[in-house]
Protein backbone atom coordinates (compact mmCIF):
# COMPACT_ATOMS: atom_id res chain seq x y z
CA MET A 1 57.85 45.53 29.40
CA SER A 2 59.39 44.38 32.65
CA ALA A 3 56.16 43.65 34.21
CA ALA A 4 54.72 41.86 31.17
CA CYS A 5 57.88 39.48 31.23
CA ARG A 6 57.20 38.54 34.83
CA ALA A 7 53.47 38.06 34.63
CA PRO A 8 53.86 34.68 33.05
CA HIS A 9 56.53 33.84 35.53
CA SER A 10 54.10 35.05 38.40
CA THR A 11 51.08 33.06 36.99
CA ASN A 12 53.20 29.73 36.97
CA ARG A 13 54.14 30.20 40.30
CA SER A 14 50.73 30.55 41.41
CA ARG A 15 49.87 27.51 39.29
CA SER A 16 52.62 25.52 41.01
CA ARG A 17 51.40 26.91 44.40
CA ARG A 18 48.18 25.47 43.83
CA ARG A 19 49.03 22.12 42.62
CA ALA A 20 51.38 21.87 45.51
CA GLY A 21 48.65 22.65 47.75
CA ARG A 22 46.06 20.07 46.18
CA GLY A 23 49.02 17.41 46.55
CA ARG A 24 49.56 18.05 50.12
CA ALA A 25 45.67 17.91 50.84
CA ALA A 26 45.41 14.63 49.19
CA LEU A 27 48.52 13.25 50.88
CA LEU A 28 46.77 14.30 53.87
CA ALA A 29 43.30 12.96 53.16
CA ALA A 30 45.09 9.50 52.08
CA GLY A 31 47.42 9.23 55.04
CA ALA A 32 43.88 9.91 57.13
CA ALA A 33 42.27 7.29 55.01
CA VAL A 34 45.02 4.58 56.09
CA GLY A 35 45.16 5.63 59.85
CA ALA A 36 41.36 4.80 59.93
CA LEU A 37 41.99 1.45 58.26
CA THR A 38 44.55 0.47 60.52
CA LEU A 39 42.54 1.53 63.73
CA ALA A 40 39.76 -0.41 62.08
CA ALA A 41 42.16 -3.58 61.69
CA CYS A 42 43.21 -3.57 64.71
CA GLY A 43 41.05 -2.24 67.40
CA SER A 44 37.59 -2.54 69.39
CA GLY A 45 35.63 -3.09 66.56
CA GLY A 46 31.63 -2.94 66.75
CA THR A 47 28.87 -5.11 68.41
CA SER A 48 27.19 -6.09 65.33
CA GLY A 49 26.60 -9.75 64.98
CA GLY A 50 26.35 -9.80 61.28
CA GLY A 51 23.08 -8.35 60.58
CA GLY A 52 19.84 -10.12 60.91
CA ASN A 53 18.22 -11.10 64.43
CA THR A 54 21.31 -11.38 66.48
CA ASN A 55 19.62 -12.00 69.86
CA PHE A 56 22.75 -11.56 72.04
CA VAL A 57 23.35 -9.01 74.71
CA ALA A 58 26.26 -6.65 74.38
CA GLY A 59 27.69 -5.80 77.96
CA THR A 60 29.23 -2.67 78.98
CA ASP A 61 32.46 -4.62 79.37
CA GLY A 62 32.59 -4.97 75.77
CA ILE A 63 31.39 -9.11 75.89
CA ALA A 64 28.44 -9.97 74.24
CA THR A 65 26.65 -12.76 75.23
CA ALA A 66 24.04 -15.29 74.04
CA ALA A 67 21.25 -17.11 75.72
CA LYS A 68 21.12 -21.09 75.15
CA ALA A 69 18.50 -21.00 73.23
CA ASP A 70 19.44 -17.94 71.14
CA ARG A 71 22.73 -19.36 70.11
CA LYS A 72 24.53 -19.98 66.29
CA PRO A 73 26.55 -22.95 65.47
CA LEU A 74 29.95 -22.40 64.79
CA PRO A 75 30.83 -22.54 61.15
CA GLU A 76 33.04 -25.05 59.94
CA LEU A 77 36.18 -24.01 60.15
CA ASP A 78 39.14 -25.56 58.77
CA GLY A 79 42.62 -24.95 57.55
CA GLU A 80 46.22 -25.85 57.79
CA THR A 81 48.04 -24.68 61.24
CA LEU A 82 51.04 -22.70 61.20
CA ASP A 83 53.18 -25.58 61.61
CA GLY A 84 51.79 -26.87 58.76
CA LYS A 85 48.94 -29.60 59.93
CA ASP A 86 45.47 -29.78 59.08
CA LEU A 87 43.03 -28.80 61.72
CA ASN A 88 39.03 -28.62 61.66
CA LEU A 89 37.81 -26.73 64.53
CA THR A 90 34.63 -28.06 64.34
CA LYS A 91 35.38 -31.51 64.61
CA ALA A 92 38.36 -31.69 66.52
CA TYR A 93 36.99 -29.62 69.62
CA LYS A 94 33.40 -31.53 69.57
CA GLY A 95 31.86 -31.74 72.89
CA LYS A 96 34.62 -29.41 74.41
CA VAL A 97 34.22 -25.56 75.81
CA LEU A 98 36.13 -24.07 72.89
CA VAL A 99 38.17 -20.38 73.25
CA ILE A 100 39.22 -18.94 69.80
CA ASN A 101 41.33 -16.00 69.23
CA VAL A 102 41.74 -14.25 66.09
CA TRP A 103 44.89 -12.31 65.97
CA GLY A 104 47.87 -11.14 63.91
CA SER A 105 51.59 -10.61 64.71
CA TRP A 106 51.04 -7.18 63.41
CA CYS A 107 48.55 -6.09 66.19
CA ALA A 108 49.65 -4.40 69.17
CA PRO A 109 46.67 -5.41 71.10
CA CYS A 110 47.02 -9.00 70.23
CA ARG A 111 50.59 -8.77 71.62
CA ALA A 112 49.30 -7.32 74.58
CA GLU A 113 46.57 -10.01 75.67
CA ALA A 114 48.96 -13.25 74.49
CA PRO A 115 50.43 -13.36 78.00
CA ASN A 116 46.85 -13.46 79.37
CA PHE A 117 45.55 -16.16 76.93
CA VAL A 118 48.89 -18.61 77.69
CA LYS A 119 48.15 -18.58 81.43
CA VAL A 120 44.46 -18.73 81.15
CA ALA A 121 44.49 -21.53 78.72
CA LYS A 122 47.22 -23.67 80.67
CA GLU A 123 44.69 -22.92 83.92
CA LYS A 124 41.77 -24.13 82.31
CA LYS A 125 42.92 -27.15 80.53
CA ALA A 126 42.40 -29.50 83.56
CA GLU A 127 38.42 -28.43 83.33
CA GLY A 128 38.17 -29.44 79.75
CA VAL A 129 38.72 -25.94 77.79
CA GLU A 130 40.54 -26.02 74.71
CA PHE A 131 42.24 -22.97 73.23
CA VAL A 132 42.89 -22.48 69.46
CA GLY A 133 43.96 -19.51 67.58
CA ILE A 134 43.07 -17.99 63.94
CA ASN A 135 46.07 -15.98 62.56
CA THR A 136 44.83 -13.66 59.97
CA ARG A 137 46.47 -10.64 57.91
CA ASP A 138 50.11 -11.92 58.22
CA PRO A 139 51.19 -12.28 54.58
CA GLN A 140 54.02 -14.67 55.65
CA ARG A 141 53.92 -17.32 58.62
CA GLY A 142 57.05 -16.26 59.65
CA PRO A 143 56.07 -13.23 61.87
CA ALA A 144 53.49 -15.41 63.26
CA ILE A 145 55.46 -18.52 64.20
CA ALA A 146 57.88 -16.19 65.72
CA PHE A 147 55.11 -14.30 67.59
CA GLU A 148 53.99 -17.93 68.91
CA LYS A 149 57.34 -18.65 69.85
CA ALA A 150 57.93 -15.45 71.98
CA HIS A 151 54.83 -16.18 74.00
CA GLU A 152 55.08 -19.68 74.43
CA VAL A 153 51.84 -20.50 73.01
CA PRO A 154 50.81 -24.18 74.14
CA TYR A 155 47.77 -23.92 71.49
CA PRO A 156 47.65 -23.96 67.49
CA SER A 157 46.71 -21.62 65.22
CA VAL A 158 45.03 -21.82 61.63
CA TYR A 159 46.77 -19.96 59.31
CA ASP A 160 44.11 -17.58 57.66
CA PRO A 161 46.16 -14.97 55.87
CA THR A 162 43.33 -13.59 53.78
CA GLY A 163 40.50 -13.80 56.63
CA LYS A 164 38.68 -16.16 54.53
CA LEU A 165 37.50 -18.16 57.60
CA MET A 166 35.69 -14.89 59.02
CA LEU A 167 33.26 -14.96 55.82
CA ARG A 168 32.09 -18.46 56.99
CA PHE A 169 30.18 -16.99 59.72
CA PRO A 170 26.26 -16.32 59.07
CA GLN A 171 24.49 -13.37 59.64
CA GLY A 172 22.89 -13.21 63.30
CA SER A 173 25.66 -14.96 64.86
CA LEU A 174 28.22 -13.57 67.20
CA ASN A 175 30.93 -13.18 64.07
CA PRO A 176 34.32 -11.72 64.69
CA ASN A 177 34.61 -8.98 62.60
CA ALA A 178 37.79 -7.05 64.35
CA ILE A 179 41.39 -7.95 65.04
CA PRO A 180 41.56 -9.19 67.78
CA SER A 181 38.29 -11.10 68.44
CA THR A 182 37.60 -13.93 71.02
CA LEU A 183 34.63 -16.27 71.00
CA VAL A 184 33.77 -18.77 73.17
CA VAL A 185 31.92 -22.19 71.89
CA ASP A 186 29.83 -24.17 73.95
CA ARG A 187 29.50 -28.05 74.12
CA ASP A 188 27.12 -28.08 71.79
CA GLY A 189 29.42 -26.47 69.04
CA LYS A 190 27.46 -22.91 69.62
CA ILE A 191 28.79 -19.47 70.18
CA ALA A 192 28.27 -18.24 73.75
CA ALA A 193 30.42 -15.09 73.91
CA ARG A 194 32.36 -12.98 71.76
CA THR A 195 34.32 -9.79 72.56
CA GLN A 196 36.39 -7.72 70.10
CA GLN A 197 38.47 -5.95 72.34
CA PRO A 198 41.73 -7.37 74.25
CA LEU A 199 41.45 -9.20 77.33
CA ASN A 200 43.26 -9.47 80.43
CA GLU A 201 42.80 -12.68 82.58
CA ALA A 202 40.06 -11.83 84.42
CA ARG A 203 37.83 -10.53 81.69
CA LEU A 204 38.82 -13.82 79.89
CA ARG A 205 37.81 -15.80 82.68
CA LYS A 206 34.55 -14.18 83.05
CA MET A 207 33.62 -14.90 79.35
CA ILE A 208 34.67 -18.63 79.73
CA ASP A 209 33.66 -19.81 83.27
CA PRO A 210 29.93 -19.28 82.62
CA VAL A 211 30.09 -21.54 79.84
CA VAL A 212 32.17 -24.28 81.58
CA ALA A 213 29.54 -23.80 84.40
CA GLU A 214 26.45 -24.94 81.67
CA LYS A 215 25.22 -28.60 82.06
């Protein structure tokens, strides 16, 4: 009688343990998925150029380059800067060597490379090199503005919270599909180099100098 009375409770406990185990497994799986997404959103990214015939060389240093004949034009990139001004990258920097850095205030590698960009941007200004940022995945402007003030960033950033500007890059171009990403655009408005890794000063100069030297 006592055994018969205990049996349903034992069964219920077993079912509860199984449900709890399944719940923990689901939570662990969800956590792993979130972790993977976080790494993908703020990591080195891949080396694909958006599909199609990319015609670029991916270097062992993480910098991909395209020969002049194989370069794709920078798409029309325009929007409002973090300080509320309209900016069309394609038109404003026509005829200039342009460095575009895609960043987010939430991105640890972006914070690490920011001082290097500030220093090299000031250094290369005299050589006719312009820098501009694309701030993305920041739901509010406040953290991004604070980021720029903290690092004393001397160049503007277009505010692109949903990443819509990234979708304008055509297939086969050296498109930025990770955060951070950096592009170097030649004087003809074509994408000459790309990296999807944070940069120190030396590697940033390595991307820029060959394009500056072009005639």
